[in-house]
Amino acid sequence: QVQLVESGGGLVQAGGSLRLSCAASGRTFSSYSMGWFRQAPGKEREFVAAISWSGGSTEYVDSVKGRFTISRDNAKYTMYLQMNSLKPEDTAVYYCARRRGYMLGTARSENEYGYWGQGTQVTVSS
């Protein structure tokens, strides 16, 4: 059973930074692409960023390009999301997820992900 645990959320002022972490159980971490999603109050969960199993390919939703950076450390079974220049509209619960399928590329659709963390709250004040 794969477990994903997010951490690093919190309250920050607009323009500030946070670094989210997603720790995965199991030695198969390095064989699966991973992603970050977020859900703001009253809204559907949306794709934020994804990284391939090797770390060589990444993709982002347009609203975070140039501000957020996704990365991973396969030796530590951990994925990260560095969030800079945060805006109030970034306020949401952030979830990490592991993609279905061994050694497949990145994906934006929730349906492509089979394991999810419990989420971590990010609140950006204006």
C-alpha atoms as a PDB file:
ATOM      1  CA  GLN A   1       0.000   0.000   0.000  1.00  0.00           C
ATOM      2  CA  VAL A   2       1.382   3.373  -1.030  1.00  0.00           C
ATOM      3  CA  GLN A   3       1.136   6.224   1.441  1.00  0.00           C
ATOM      4  CA  LEU A   4       1.720   9.870   0.603  1.00  0.00           C
ATOM      5  CA  VAL A   5       2.127  12.478   3.322  1.00  0.00           C
ATOM      6  CA  GLU A   6       2.234  16.201   2.568  1.00  0.00           C
ATOM      7  CA  SER A   7       3.807  18.795   4.828  1.00  0.00           C
ATOM      8  CA  GLY A   8       4.979  22.391   4.723  1.00  0.00           C
ATOM      9  CA  GLY A   9       1.696  24.223   4.398  1.00  0.00           C
ATOM     10  CA  GLY A  10       0.818  27.237   6.481  1.00  0.00           C
ATOM     11  CA  LEU A  11      -0.138  30.894   6.556  1.00  0.00           C
ATOM     12  CA  VAL A  12       1.975  33.358   4.574  1.00  0.00           C
ATOM     13  CA  GLN A  13       1.591  36.930   3.364  1.00  0.00           C
ATOM     14  CA  ALA A  14       1.191  37.716  -0.299  1.00  0.00           C
ATOM     15  CA  GLY A  15       4.583  37.742  -1.986  1.00  0.00           C
ATOM     16  CA  GLY A  16       5.985  35.194   0.420  1.00  0.00           C
ATOM     17  CA  SER A  17       7.207  31.651  -0.139  1.00  0.00           C
ATOM     18  CA  LEU A  18       6.473  28.143   1.068  1.00  0.00           C
ATOM     19  CA  ARG A  19       7.971  24.759   0.268  1.00  0.00           C
ATOM     20  CA  LEU A  20       5.676  21.776   0.296  1.00  0.00           C
ATOM     21  CA  SER A  21       6.985  18.241   0.677  1.00  0.00           C
ATOM     22  CA  CYS A  22       5.367  14.933  -0.178  1.00  0.00           C
ATOM     23  CA  ALA A  23       6.935  11.897   1.454  1.00  0.00           C
ATOM     24  CA  ALA A  24       6.117   8.542  -0.119  1.00  0.00           C
ATOM     25  CA  SER A  25       6.307   5.081   1.349  1.00  0.00           C
ATOM     26  CA  GLY A  26       7.684   2.210  -0.653  1.00  0.00           C
ATOM     27  CA  ARG A  27      10.723   1.734  -2.798  1.00  0.00           C
ATOM     28  CA  THR A  28       8.787   2.150  -6.053  1.00  0.00           C
ATOM     29  CA  PHE A  29       8.708   5.947  -5.751  1.00  0.00           C
ATOM     30  CA  SER A  30      11.364   6.468  -8.398  1.00  0.00           C
ATOM     31  CA  SER A  31       9.342   4.560 -11.028  1.00  0.00           C
ATOM     32  CA  TYR A  32       6.233   6.739 -11.009  1.00  0.00           C
ATOM     33  CA  SER A  33       5.454  10.254 -12.138  1.00  0.00           C
ATOM     34  CA  MET A  34       3.992  12.480  -9.465  1.00  0.00           C
ATOM     35  CA  GLY A  35       1.772  15.526  -9.328  1.00  0.00           C
ATOM     36  CA  TRP A  36       0.475  18.356  -7.175  1.00  0.00           C
ATOM     37  CA  PHE A  37      -3.164  19.408  -7.181  1.00  0.00           C
ATOM     38  CA  ARG A  38      -5.070  21.987  -5.148  1.00  0.00           C
ATOM     39  CA  GLN A  39      -8.622  22.668  -4.107  1.00  0.00           C
ATOM     40  CA  ALA A  40      -9.824  26.078  -3.046  1.00  0.00           C
ATOM     41  CA  PRO A  41     -13.037  26.522  -1.009  1.00  0.00           C
ATOM     42  CA  GLY A  42     -16.096  26.083  -3.187  1.00  0.00           C
ATOM     43  CA  LYS A  43     -14.044  25.048  -6.212  1.00  0.00           C
ATOM     44  CA  GLU A  44     -13.111  21.824  -7.903  1.00  0.00           C
ATOM     45  CA  ARG A  45      -9.679  20.335  -7.402  1.00  0.00           C
ATOM     46  CA  GLU A  46      -7.277  21.515 -10.094  1.00  0.00           C
ATOM     47  CA  PHE A  47      -3.926  20.449 -11.480  1.00  0.00           C
ATOM     48  CA  VAL A  48      -0.924  22.492 -10.361  1.00  0.00           C
ATOM     49  CA  ALA A  49       2.247  20.717 -11.475  1.00  0.00           C
ATOM     50  CA  ALA A  50       3.638  17.329 -12.400  1.00  0.00           C
ATOM     51  CA  ILE A  51       7.054  15.726 -12.655  1.00  0.00           C
ATOM     52  CA  SER A  52       8.113  12.613 -14.501  1.00  0.00           C
ATOM     53  CA  TRP A  53       9.486   9.557 -12.721  1.00  0.00           C
ATOM     54  CA  SER A  54      13.057  10.525 -13.606  1.00  0.00           C
ATOM     55  CA  GLY A  55      12.580  14.188 -12.829  1.00  0.00           C
ATOM     56  CA  GLY A  56      13.547  15.086 -16.359  1.00  0.00           C
ATOM     57  CA  SER A  57      10.167  16.445 -17.414  1.00  0.00           C
ATOM     58  CA  THR A  58       7.840  18.863 -15.657  1.00  0.00           C
ATOM     59  CA  GLU A  59       4.660  20.731 -16.481  1.00  0.00           C
ATOM     60  CA  TYR A  60       2.647  23.450 -14.773  1.00  0.00           C
ATOM     61  CA  VAL A  61      -0.717  25.110 -14.922  1.00  0.00           C
ATOM     62  CA  ASP A  62      -0.332  28.535 -16.512  1.00  0.00           C
ATOM     63  CA  SER A  63      -1.277  30.410 -13.340  1.00  0.00           C
ATOM     64  CA  VAL A  64       1.804  29.185 -11.450  1.00  0.00           C
ATOM     65  CA  LYS A  65       4.424  29.163 -14.197  1.00  0.00           C
ATOM     66  CA  GLY A  66       7.461  31.173 -13.206  1.00  0.00           C
ATOM     67  CA  ARG A  67       6.436  31.147  -9.526  1.00  0.00           C
ATOM     68  CA  PHE A  68       6.265  27.456  -8.558  1.00  0.00           C
ATOM     69  CA  THR A  69       8.908  24.773  -9.056  1.00  0.00           C
ATOM     70  CA  ILE A  70       8.277  21.061  -8.744  1.00  0.00           C
ATOM     71  CA  SER A  71      11.157  18.720  -7.977  1.00  0.00           C
ATOM     72  CA  ARG A  72      11.864  15.311  -6.534  1.00  0.00           C
ATOM     73  CA  ASP A  73      14.576  13.438  -4.683  1.00  0.00           C
ATOM     74  CA  ASN A  74      14.189   9.779  -5.533  1.00  0.00           C
ATOM     75  CA  ALA A  75      16.797   8.756  -2.989  1.00  0.00           C
ATOM     76  CA  LYS A  76      14.633  10.293  -0.265  1.00  0.00           C
ATOM     77  CA  TYR A  77      11.281   9.175  -1.751  1.00  0.00           C
ATOM     78  CA  THR A  78      10.168  12.783  -1.585  1.00  0.00           C
ATOM     79  CA  MET A  79       8.652  15.328  -3.964  1.00  0.00           C
ATOM     80  CA  TYR A  80       8.655  19.077  -3.431  1.00  0.00           C
ATOM     81  CA  LEU A  81       6.765  22.144  -4.546  1.00  0.00           C
ATOM     82  CA  GLN A  82       8.611  25.413  -4.068  1.00  0.00           C
ATOM     83  CA  MET A  83       6.084  28.223  -4.150  1.00  0.00           C
ATOM     84  CA  ASN A  84       7.329  31.798  -4.532  1.00  0.00           C
ATOM     85  CA  SER A  85       5.541  35.113  -5.036  1.00  0.00           C
ATOM     86  CA  LEU A  86       2.423  33.649  -3.502  1.00  0.00           C
ATOM     87  CA  LYS A  87      -0.916  35.294  -4.173  1.00  0.00           C
ATOM     88  CA  PRO A  88      -4.198  35.130  -2.245  1.00  0.00           C
ATOM     89  CA  GLU A  89      -5.657  33.107  -5.103  1.00  0.00           C
ATOM     90  CA  ASP A  90      -3.123  30.372  -4.328  1.00  0.00           C
ATOM     91  CA  THR A  91      -4.999  29.686  -1.092  1.00  0.00           C
ATOM     92  CA  ALA A  92      -6.142  26.067  -1.162  1.00  0.00           C
ATOM     93  CA  VAL A  93      -5.578  22.599   0.194  1.00  0.00           C
ATOM     94  CA  TYR A  94      -2.658  21.137  -1.738  1.00  0.00           C
ATOM     95  CA  TYR A  95      -2.550  17.427  -2.504  1.00  0.00           C
ATOM     96  CA  CYS A  96       0.228  15.264  -3.864  1.00  0.00           C
ATOM     97  CA  ALA A  97      -0.571  12.244  -5.965  1.00  0.00           C
ATOM     98  CA  ARG A  98       1.165   9.332  -7.643  1.00  0.00           C
ATOM     99  CA  ARG A  99       0.363   8.588 -11.229  1.00  0.00           C
ATOM    100  CA  ARG A 100      -1.053   5.241 -12.305  1.00  0.00           C
ATOM    101  CA  GLY A 101       1.256   3.282 -14.572  1.00  0.00           C
ATOM    102  CA  TYR A 102       4.881   2.312 -14.287  1.00  0.00           C
ATOM    103  CA  MET A 103       7.361   4.774 -15.805  1.00  0.00           C
ATOM    104  CA  LEU A 104       4.783   6.847 -17.665  1.00  0.00           C
ATOM    105  CA  GLY A 105       5.165  10.552 -18.330  1.00  0.00           C
ATOM    106  CA  THR A 106       3.448  13.469 -16.648  1.00  0.00           C
ATOM    107  CA  ALA A 107      -0.305  13.954 -16.691  1.00  0.00           C
ATOM    108  CA  ARG A 108      -2.797  16.694 -15.785  1.00  0.00           C
ATOM    109  CA  SER A 109      -5.974  14.708 -15.295  1.00  0.00           C
ATOM    110  CA  GLU A 110      -6.919  13.526 -11.802  1.00  0.00           C
ATOM    111  CA  ASN A 111      -8.067  10.266 -13.368  1.00  0.00           C
ATOM    112  CA  GLU A 112      -4.442   9.455 -14.176  1.00  0.00           C
ATOM    113  CA  TYR A 113      -3.511   9.382 -10.494  1.00  0.00           C
ATOM    114  CA  GLY A 114      -4.189   6.427  -8.238  1.00  0.00           C
ATOM    115  CA  TYR A 115      -2.800   7.413  -4.852  1.00  0.00           C
ATOM    116  CA  TRP A 116      -3.408  10.657  -2.978  1.00  0.00           C
ATOM    117  CA  GLY A 117      -2.160  12.299   0.178  1.00  0.00           C
ATOM    118  CA  GLN A 118      -4.402  13.828   2.813  1.00  0.00           C
ATOM    119  CA  GLY A 119      -3.593  17.395   1.814  1.00  0.00           C
ATOM    120  CA  THR A 120      -1.934  20.385   3.442  1.00  0.00           C
ATOM    121  CA  GLN A 121      -3.521  23.810   3.823  1.00  0.00           C
ATOM    122  CA  VAL A 122      -1.873  26.839   2.242  1.00  0.00           C
ATOM    123  CA  THR A 123      -3.331  30.217   3.123  1.00  0.00           C
ATOM    124  CA  VAL A 124      -2.042  33.420   1.552  1.00  0.00           C
ATOM    125  CA  SER A 125      -3.173  36.658   3.165  1.00  0.00           C
ATOM    126  CA  SER A 126      -3.388  39.925   1.257  1.00  0.00           C
END
